[in-house]
């Protein structure tokens, strides 16, 4: 199951929501305790006459499933715990067995907090409002200070207890309802195998693209250059030879520009020297459409993350300029020390194919870093490409 932080976040609202969730958990723990008390003799009878097969009576399985789903909704709504779960009747029963004491513990802590709050209010009312002092003697200032400090300490301990109970609630749910460690290892191995194959495919696609760029661009210009130089050598008239040499010089400049374009697309030198921001500014300068860049990343991400983010932006901007008819592109790169997010949006006609060569290659490049890559391009636009790259 996916996990949120073990400590509720979001201030008092999150703490209050967690407290409500734990209070509801205390009530559901009572219902689950009744179910377990009824299930115990039924399970014993079923095991005695099942010839060694671990079967769960239908009424017990149905009750366990309903209560487990109720707990999942409570955890998702109040404690921020949600995810894909895998469980059968036996795992549901084991989950209920483990969470009943946790739920009752949360109820006890909430009752202690309520009792302490009522006691504190009664003391405050008797000392400062009604004047109903013990033995008719007003309390000394040090007694009041002692009571306030002791109350705050106990409140702190009780709140920490609630935080611990919330963490235990999430931990029990993950352990009992989530996939087993073996299943997680198998899933991870399968994912790595697919990712490795995708990386090999991406490298082959990149090599084919470079070969195509060299063949259709630089190679053709070098052939034309050689022909111009040969014609200049054979030209008898000086003026004709001079004109051919001038054309050869211009063709050599165009061939050099094409070669620089190919090498820049293979890997920009600015990415190593000045970092991702400078490389993205170069993309914006070379783009055929206006590109606005928003960059908010503290420090320099890892080299592999910088490279992947750069190529995502570069390919997306190139596609927008060539295929979408966009008039402008907006690039936003933001993140922290653990995650980098890239978002590219253009105002073109949409309809981009996520399975196309360029975008599919980007998806494989991002997947190789355990990142996520999405393309949203409805007909009529806009096209939004997002990538999230972990920096761990």
Protein backbone atom coordinates (compact mmCIF):
# COMPACT_ATOMS: atom_id res chain seq x y z
CA UNK A 1 0.00 0.00 0.00
CA UNK A 2 1.17 3.54 -0.59
CA UNK A 3 2.04 5.34 2.57
CA UNK A 4 1.84 8.86 3.71
CA UNK A 5 4.06 10.22 6.43
CA UNK A 6 3.81 8.55 9.82
CA UNK A 7 3.22 11.93 11.40
CA UNK A 8 0.03 13.71 10.39
CA UNK A 9 0.78 16.85 8.42
CA UNK A 10 -1.24 19.92 7.62
CA UNK A 11 -1.49 21.51 11.07
CA UNK A 12 -4.41 21.34 13.45
CA UNK A 13 -6.86 20.30 10.75
CA UNK A 14 -4.86 17.15 9.97
CA UNK A 15 -4.42 16.36 13.66
CA UNK A 16 -8.14 16.82 14.27
CA UNK A 17 -8.97 14.63 11.28
CA UNK A 18 -6.62 11.92 12.57
CA UNK A 19 -8.22 12.14 16.03
CA UNK A 20 -11.67 11.68 14.51
CA UNK A 21 -10.36 8.72 12.54
CA UNK A 22 -8.94 7.12 15.68
CA UNK A 23 -12.20 7.71 17.55
CA UNK A 24 -14.12 5.97 14.77
CA UNK A 25 -11.50 3.23 14.85
CA UNK A 26 -12.22 2.64 18.53
CA UNK A 27 -15.92 2.10 17.74
CA UNK A 28 -15.19 -0.20 14.80
CA UNK A 29 -12.76 -2.15 17.00
CA UNK A 30 -15.73 -3.00 19.24
CA UNK A 31 -17.68 -4.36 16.27
CA UNK A 32 -14.64 -6.28 15.10
CA UNK A 33 -14.17 -7.76 18.56
CA UNK A 34 -17.73 -9.09 18.41
CA UNK A 35 -17.07 -10.57 14.97
CA UNK A 36 -13.89 -12.27 16.18
CA UNK A 37 -15.68 -13.67 19.22
CA UNK A 38 -18.33 -15.19 16.93
CA UNK A 39 -15.74 -16.29 14.36
CA UNK A 40 -13.55 -18.17 16.87
CA UNK A 41 -15.88 -21.17 17.47
CA UNK A 42 -16.97 -21.20 13.81
CA UNK A 43 -13.37 -21.27 12.65
CA UNK A 44 -12.53 -24.02 15.16
CA UNK A 45 -15.46 -26.10 13.93
CA UNK A 46 -14.53 -25.48 10.29
CA UNK A 47 -10.89 -26.47 10.83
CA UNK A 48 -11.91 -29.59 12.75
CA UNK A 49 -14.01 -30.88 9.86
CA UNK A 50 -12.15 -29.48 6.83
CA UNK A 51 -9.60 -32.33 6.61
CA UNK A 52 -6.64 -30.00 6.98
CA UNK A 53 -7.84 -27.35 4.51
CA UNK A 54 -7.86 -23.81 5.81
CA UNK A 55 -11.40 -22.75 4.98
CA UNK A 56 -13.32 -19.77 6.33
CA UNK A 57 -17.10 -20.02 6.84
CA UNK A 58 -19.00 -17.80 4.42
CA UNK A 59 -20.61 -15.68 7.12
CA UNK A 60 -17.21 -15.03 8.74
CA UNK A 61 -15.54 -14.28 5.41
CA UNK A 62 -18.30 -11.85 4.44
CA UNK A 63 -18.20 -10.05 7.79
CA UNK A 64 -14.39 -9.82 7.72
CA UNK A 65 -14.45 -8.45 4.18
CA UNK A 66 -17.05 -5.80 5.01
CA UNK A 67 -15.26 -4.64 8.15
CA UNK A 68 -11.90 -4.59 6.35
CA UNK A 69 -13.33 -2.44 3.57
CA UNK A 70 -14.81 -0.14 6.22
CA UNK A 71 -11.38 0.17 7.83
CA UNK A 72 -9.79 0.92 4.46
CA UNK A 73 -12.22 3.78 3.87
CA UNK A 74 -11.53 5.12 7.37
CA UNK A 75 -7.77 4.96 6.87
CA UNK A 76 -8.04 6.60 3.46
CA UNK A 77 -10.32 9.41 4.66
CA UNK A 78 -8.80 10.29 8.03
CA UNK A 79 -5.24 8.93 8.09
CA UNK A 80 -4.19 9.32 4.45
CA UNK A 81 -3.43 5.63 3.92
CA UNK A 82 -4.48 4.21 0.57
CA UNK A 83 -3.25 1.88 -2.10
CA UNK A 84 -3.76 -1.36 -3.95
CA UNK A 85 -4.44 -4.19 -1.53
CA UNK A 86 -4.29 -7.94 -1.91
CA UNK A 87 -6.07 -10.04 0.66
CA UNK A 88 -8.40 -12.95 1.13
CA UNK A 89 -10.62 -13.98 4.07
CA UNK A 90 -7.72 -15.29 6.15
CA UNK A 91 -5.65 -12.14 5.68
CA UNK A 92 -8.68 -10.00 6.45
CA UNK A 93 -9.22 -11.92 9.69
CA UNK A 94 -5.55 -11.63 10.66
CA UNK A 95 -5.75 -7.89 9.99
CA UNK A 96 -8.78 -7.53 12.26
CA UNK A 97 -7.11 -9.57 14.99
CA UNK A 98 -4.09 -7.25 14.97
CA UNK A 99 -5.93 -3.95 14.65
CA UNK A 100 -8.55 -4.54 17.37
CA UNK A 101 -6.08 -3.89 20.24
CA UNK A 102 -4.63 -0.93 18.32
CA UNK A 103 -8.09 0.57 17.83
CA UNK A 104 -9.02 0.04 21.49
CA UNK A 105 -5.71 1.62 22.56
CA UNK A 106 -6.53 4.69 20.51
CA UNK A 107 -9.95 4.87 22.19
CA UNK A 108 -8.36 4.65 25.65
CA UNK A 109 -5.94 7.48 24.86
CA UNK A 110 -8.79 9.65 23.55
CA UNK A 111 -10.78 8.97 26.74
CA UNK A 112 -7.78 9.98 28.84
CA UNK A 113 -7.44 13.21 26.84
CA UNK A 114 -11.15 13.92 27.29
CA UNK A 115 -10.92 13.17 31.03
CA UNK A 116 -7.89 15.44 31.40
CA UNK A 117 -9.62 18.24 29.49
CA UNK A 118 -12.75 18.00 31.66
CA UNK A 119 -10.63 17.94 34.84
CA UNK A 120 -8.64 20.97 33.71
CA UNK A 121 -11.80 22.93 32.89
CA UNK A 122 -13.36 22.06 36.26
CA UNK A 123 -10.24 23.20 38.12
CA UNK A 124 -10.08 26.44 36.15
CA UNK A 125 -13.77 27.15 36.80
CA UNK A 126 -13.49 26.40 40.51
CA UNK A 127 -10.34 28.47 40.97
CA UNK A 128 -11.14 31.58 38.93
CA UNK A 129 -14.91 31.73 38.42
CA UNK A 130 -16.94 30.09 41.17
CA UNK A 131 -14.35 30.36 43.95
CA UNK A 132 -15.20 26.83 45.10
CA UNK A 133 -11.77 26.15 46.61
CA UNK A 134 -10.69 22.96 48.33
CA UNK A 135 -11.14 23.45 52.11
CA UNK A 136 -12.11 27.01 51.30
CA UNK A 137 -8.46 28.03 50.75
CA UNK A 138 -7.41 29.62 47.40
CA UNK A 139 -4.64 27.67 45.62
CA UNK A 140 -1.11 29.02 45.77
CA UNK A 141 0.54 30.23 42.57
CA UNK A 142 2.97 27.33 42.58
CA UNK A 143 0.10 24.85 42.78
CA UNK A 144 -1.52 26.48 39.74
CA UNK A 145 1.83 26.43 37.88
CA UNK A 146 2.37 22.80 38.82
CA UNK A 147 -1.09 21.82 37.57
CA UNK A 148 -0.62 23.70 34.27
CA UNK A 149 2.82 22.18 33.60
CA UNK A 150 1.67 18.69 34.55
CA UNK A 151 -1.38 19.05 32.32
CA UNK A 152 0.70 20.20 29.34
CA UNK A 153 3.17 17.33 29.81
CA UNK A 154 0.36 14.78 29.99
CA UNK A 155 -1.29 16.34 26.94
CA UNK A 156 1.97 16.11 25.02
CA UNK A 157 2.40 12.46 25.96
CA UNK A 158 -1.20 11.71 24.99
CA UNK A 159 -0.82 13.40 21.59
CA UNK A 160 2.38 11.46 20.95
CA UNK A 161 0.47 8.34 21.87
CA UNK A 162 -2.15 9.20 19.26
CA UNK A 163 0.57 9.73 16.66
CA UNK A 164 2.00 6.34 17.55
CA UNK A 165 -1.40 4.68 17.31
CA UNK A 166 -1.98 6.27 13.90
CA UNK A 167 1.39 4.93 12.74
CA UNK A 168 0.50 1.49 14.07
CA UNK A 169 -2.85 1.61 12.25
CA UNK A 170 -1.07 2.29 8.95
CA UNK A 171 1.65 -0.26 9.65
CA UNK A 172 -0.80 -3.05 10.43
CA UNK A 173 -2.78 -2.28 7.26
CA UNK A 174 0.35 -2.33 5.09
CA UNK A 175 1.63 -5.53 6.66
CA UNK A 176 -1.62 -7.48 6.51
CA UNK A 177 -3.34 -6.10 3.42
CA UNK A 178 -0.47 -5.09 1.19
CA UNK A 179 1.50 -7.38 -1.10
CA UNK A 180 3.94 -9.78 0.50
CA UNK A 181 7.69 -9.02 0.41
CA UNK A 182 8.17 -11.88 -2.08
CA UNK A 183 5.49 -10.44 -4.37
CA UNK A 184 7.12 -7.01 -4.13
CA UNK A 185 10.52 -8.47 -5.04
CA UNK A 186 9.02 -10.32 -8.00
CA UNK A 187 7.24 -7.17 -9.18
CA UNK A 188 10.44 -5.16 -8.85
CA UNK A 189 12.49 -7.75 -10.75
CA UNK A 190 9.93 -7.82 -13.56
CA UNK A 191 9.91 -4.02 -13.68
CA UNK A 192 13.71 -3.86 -13.86
CA UNK A 193 13.75 -6.46 -16.64
CA UNK A 194 11.27 -4.46 -18.68
CA UNK A 195 13.13 -1.22 -17.98
CA UNK A 196 16.44 -2.73 -19.06
CA UNK A 197 14.94 -3.89 -22.34
CA UNK A 198 13.39 -0.45 -22.84
CA UNK A 199 16.74 1.25 -22.27
CA UNK A 200 18.34 -0.95 -24.92
CA UNK A 201 15.54 -0.07 -27.33
CA UNK A 202 15.93 3.63 -26.55
CA UNK A 203 19.68 3.48 -27.23
CA UNK A 204 19.06 1.71 -30.56
CA UNK A 205 16.44 4.30 -31.52
CA UNK A 206 18.86 7.09 -30.67
CA UNK A 207 21.57 5.52 -32.80
CA UNK A 208 19.16 5.21 -35.75
CA UNK A 209 18.15 8.84 -35.37
CA UNK A 210 21.78 9.98 -35.33
CA UNK A 211 22.54 7.86 -38.41
CA UNK A 212 19.52 9.33 -40.18
CA UNK A 213 20.53 12.90 -39.30
CA UNK A 214 24.08 12.32 -40.53
CA UNK A 215 22.95 10.58 -43.72
CA UNK A 216 20.21 13.03 -44.67
CA UNK A 217 22.00 16.17 -43.55
CA UNK A 218 25.76 16.27 -43.11
CA UNK A 219 26.57 13.49 -45.56
CA UNK A 220 24.51 15.03 -48.35
CA UNK A 221 26.13 18.42 -47.83
CA UNK A 222 29.63 16.90 -47.86
CA UNK A 223 28.82 15.14 -51.13
CA UNK A 224 27.64 18.43 -52.62
CA UNK A 225 30.76 20.14 -51.29
CA UNK A 226 33.00 17.57 -52.94
CA UNK A 227 31.17 17.97 -56.25
CA UNK A 228 31.53 21.77 -56.13
CA UNK A 229 35.25 21.55 -55.40
CA UNK A 230 35.70 19.06 -58.26
CA UNK A 231 33.84 21.35 -60.68
CA UNK A 232 35.97 24.28 -59.53
CA UNK A 233 39.15 22.34 -60.24
CA UNK A 234 37.95 21.47 -63.75
CA UNK A 235 36.64 24.98 -64.54
CA UNK A 236 38.85 26.77 -67.01
CA UNK A 237 37.68 30.33 -66.49
CA UNK A 238 38.88 32.07 -63.37
CA UNK A 239 35.53 33.75 -62.76
CA UNK A 240 33.71 30.43 -63.01
CA UNK A 241 36.18 28.75 -60.62
CA UNK A 242 35.83 31.62 -58.16
CA UNK A 243 32.02 31.32 -58.20
CA UNK A 244 32.18 27.56 -57.63
CA UNK A 245 34.62 28.00 -54.74
CA UNK A 246 32.29 30.56 -53.21
CA UNK A 247 29.42 28.06 -53.41
CA UNK A 248 31.68 25.37 -51.93
CA UNK A 249 32.56 27.65 -49.03
CA UNK A 250 28.88 28.34 -48.33
CA UNK A 251 28.10 24.63 -48.52
CA UNK A 252 30.90 23.89 -46.05
CA UNK A 253 29.39 26.43 -43.62
CA UNK A 254 26.00 24.74 -43.90
CA UNK A 255 27.57 21.31 -43.39
CA UNK A 256 29.33 22.62 -40.28
CA UNK A 257 26.06 24.04 -38.97
CA UNK A 258 24.31 20.70 -39.56
CA UNK A 259 27.11 18.86 -37.79
CA UNK A 260 26.86 21.20 -34.81
CA UNK A 261 23.10 20.63 -34.74
CA UNK A 262 23.58 16.86 -34.66
CA UNK A 263 26.21 16.99 -31.92
CA UNK A 264 24.05 19.41 -29.90
CA UNK A 265 21.08 17.07 -30.14
CA UNK A 266 23.21 14.08 -29.14
CA UNK A 267 24.44 15.79 -25.96
CA UNK A 268 24.77 19.52 -25.19
CA UNK A 269 28.07 20.65 -23.71
CA UNK A 270 26.25 23.21 -21.51
CA UNK A 271 24.64 20.40 -19.52
CA UNK A 272 28.02 19.33 -18.12
CA UNK A 273 29.44 22.78 -17.63
CA UNK A 274 26.68 25.17 -16.57
CA UNK A 275 23.91 22.75 -15.65
CA UNK A 276 20.32 22.04 -16.58
CA UNK A 277 19.05 25.61 -16.47
CA UNK A 278 21.64 26.87 -18.98
CA UNK A 279 20.97 23.91 -21.27
CA UNK A 280 17.22 24.60 -21.21
CA UNK A 281 17.83 28.27 -22.01
CA UNK A 282 19.79 27.09 -25.06
CA UNK A 283 16.78 25.00 -26.09
CA UNK A 284 14.59 28.09 -25.82
CA UNK A 285 17.02 30.18 -27.89
CA UNK A 286 17.22 27.61 -30.68
CA UNK A 287 13.49 26.86 -30.78
CA UNK A 288 11.41 27.97 -33.75
CA UNK A 289 8.57 29.02 -31.39
CA UNK A 290 8.77 31.19 -28.26
CA UNK A 291 9.57 29.16 -25.15
CA UNK A 292 9.00 30.47 -21.61
CA UNK A 293 11.00 28.65 -18.93
CA UNK A 294 10.25 28.58 -15.20
CA UNK A 295 13.04 26.95 -13.20
CA UNK A 296 12.89 26.37 -9.46
CA UNK A 297 15.28 23.60 -8.46
CA UNK A 298 17.61 24.04 -5.47
CA UNK A 299 21.17 23.07 -6.28
CA UNK A 300 22.11 20.71 -9.09
CA UNK A 301 20.25 17.43 -9.48
CA UNK A 302 22.16 14.20 -10.18
CA UNK A 303 23.70 14.03 -13.64
CA UNK A 304 21.36 11.27 -14.88
CA UNK A 305 18.31 13.26 -13.74
CA UNK A 306 19.57 16.43 -15.42
CA UNK A 307 20.12 14.52 -18.66
CA UNK A 308 16.68 12.92 -18.64
CA UNK A 309 14.94 16.22 -17.82
CA UNK A 310 16.85 17.99 -20.60
CA UNK A 311 15.91 15.46 -23.26
CA UNK A 312 12.26 15.47 -22.15
CA UNK A 313 12.12 19.23 -22.63
CA UNK A 314 14.15 19.21 -25.84
CA UNK A 315 12.03 16.52 -27.52
CA UNK A 316 8.75 18.07 -26.37
CA UNK A 317 9.72 21.53 -27.63
CA UNK A 318 10.91 20.08 -30.95
CA UNK A 319 7.64 18.17 -31.40
CA UNK A 320 5.61 21.28 -30.58
CA UNK A 321 7.50 23.33 -33.16
CA UNK A 322 7.35 20.68 -35.92
CA UNK A 323 4.02 18.92 -35.53
CA UNK A 324 1.52 20.70 -33.28
CA UNK A 325 1.33 24.13 -34.90
CA UNK A 326 1.95 25.72 -31.51
CA UNK A 327 2.57 29.44 -31.21
CA UNK A 328 4.21 29.21 -27.79
CA UNK A 329 5.53 26.65 -25.32
CA UNK A 330 5.72 26.89 -21.56
CA UNK A 331 8.26 24.82 -19.63
CA UNK A 332 8.19 24.48 -15.84
CA UNK A 333 10.91 22.63 -13.93
CA UNK A 334 10.56 22.46 -10.17
CA UNK A 335 11.58 20.10 -7.44
CA UNK A 336 13.45 19.37 -4.26
CA UNK A 337 16.37 17.27 -3.14
CA UNK A 338 14.33 14.09 -3.68
CA UNK A 339 12.18 14.72 -6.78
CA UNK A 340 12.31 16.80 -9.96
CA UNK A 341 9.10 17.59 -11.84
CA UNK A 342 9.07 18.68 -15.50
CA UNK A 343 5.97 20.06 -17.25
CA UNK A 344 5.79 21.18 -20.88
CA UNK A 345 2.60 22.71 -22.28
CA UNK A 346 2.01 24.05 -25.77
CA UNK A 347 -1.00 25.77 -27.34
CA UNK A 348 -0.99 23.61 -30.47
CA UNK A 349 -3.65 21.40 -31.98
CA UNK A 350 -3.03 18.38 -29.75
CA UNK A 351 -3.40 14.80 -30.90
CA UNK A 352 0.14 13.76 -29.98
CA UNK A 353 0.68 9.99 -29.99
CA UNK A 354 2.31 8.78 -26.73
CA UNK A 355 3.40 5.65 -28.56
CA UNK A 356 5.28 7.59 -31.23
CA UNK A 357 9.00 7.12 -31.58
CA UNK A 358 10.14 10.29 -29.82
CA UNK A 359 7.67 10.24 -26.92
CA UNK A 360 8.01 6.48 -26.43
CA UNK A 361 11.77 6.92 -26.21
CA UNK A 362 11.33 9.60 -23.57
CA UNK A 363 9.01 7.33 -21.58
CA UNK A 364 11.65 4.59 -21.62
CA UNK A 365 14.38 7.04 -20.61
CA UNK A 366 12.30 8.26 -17.65
CA UNK A 367 11.29 4.71 -16.65
CA UNK A 368 14.97 3.77 -16.47
CA UNK A 369 15.26 6.21 -13.55
CA UNK A 370 12.08 4.86 -11.84
CA UNK A 371 10.26 8.03 -12.87
CA UNK A 372 6.80 8.60 -14.32
CA UNK A 373 6.00 10.04 -17.74
CA UNK A 374 2.55 11.11 -18.96
CA UNK A 375 1.21 12.71 -22.14
CA UNK A 376 -2.17 14.46 -22.25
CA UNK A 377 -2.95 15.67 -25.77
CA UNK A 378 -6.66 15.79 -26.61
CA UNK A 379 -7.70 16.82 -30.12
CA UNK A 380 -7.64 20.59 -30.27
CA UNK A 381 -5.02 20.82 -27.55
CA UNK A 382 -3.36 21.77 -25.41
CA UNK A 383 -0.65 19.15 -25.19
CA UNK A 384 0.77 18.68 -21.69
CA UNK A 385 3.79 16.44 -21.09
CA UNK A 386 4.87 15.76 -17.53
CA UNK A 387 7.73 13.79 -16.04
CA UNK A 388 8.63 13.12 -12.42
CA UNK A 389 12.20 12.04 -11.80
CA UNK A 390 13.36 10.79 -8.37
CA UNK A 391 16.75 12.05 -7.28
CA UNK A 392 17.54 9.28 -4.81
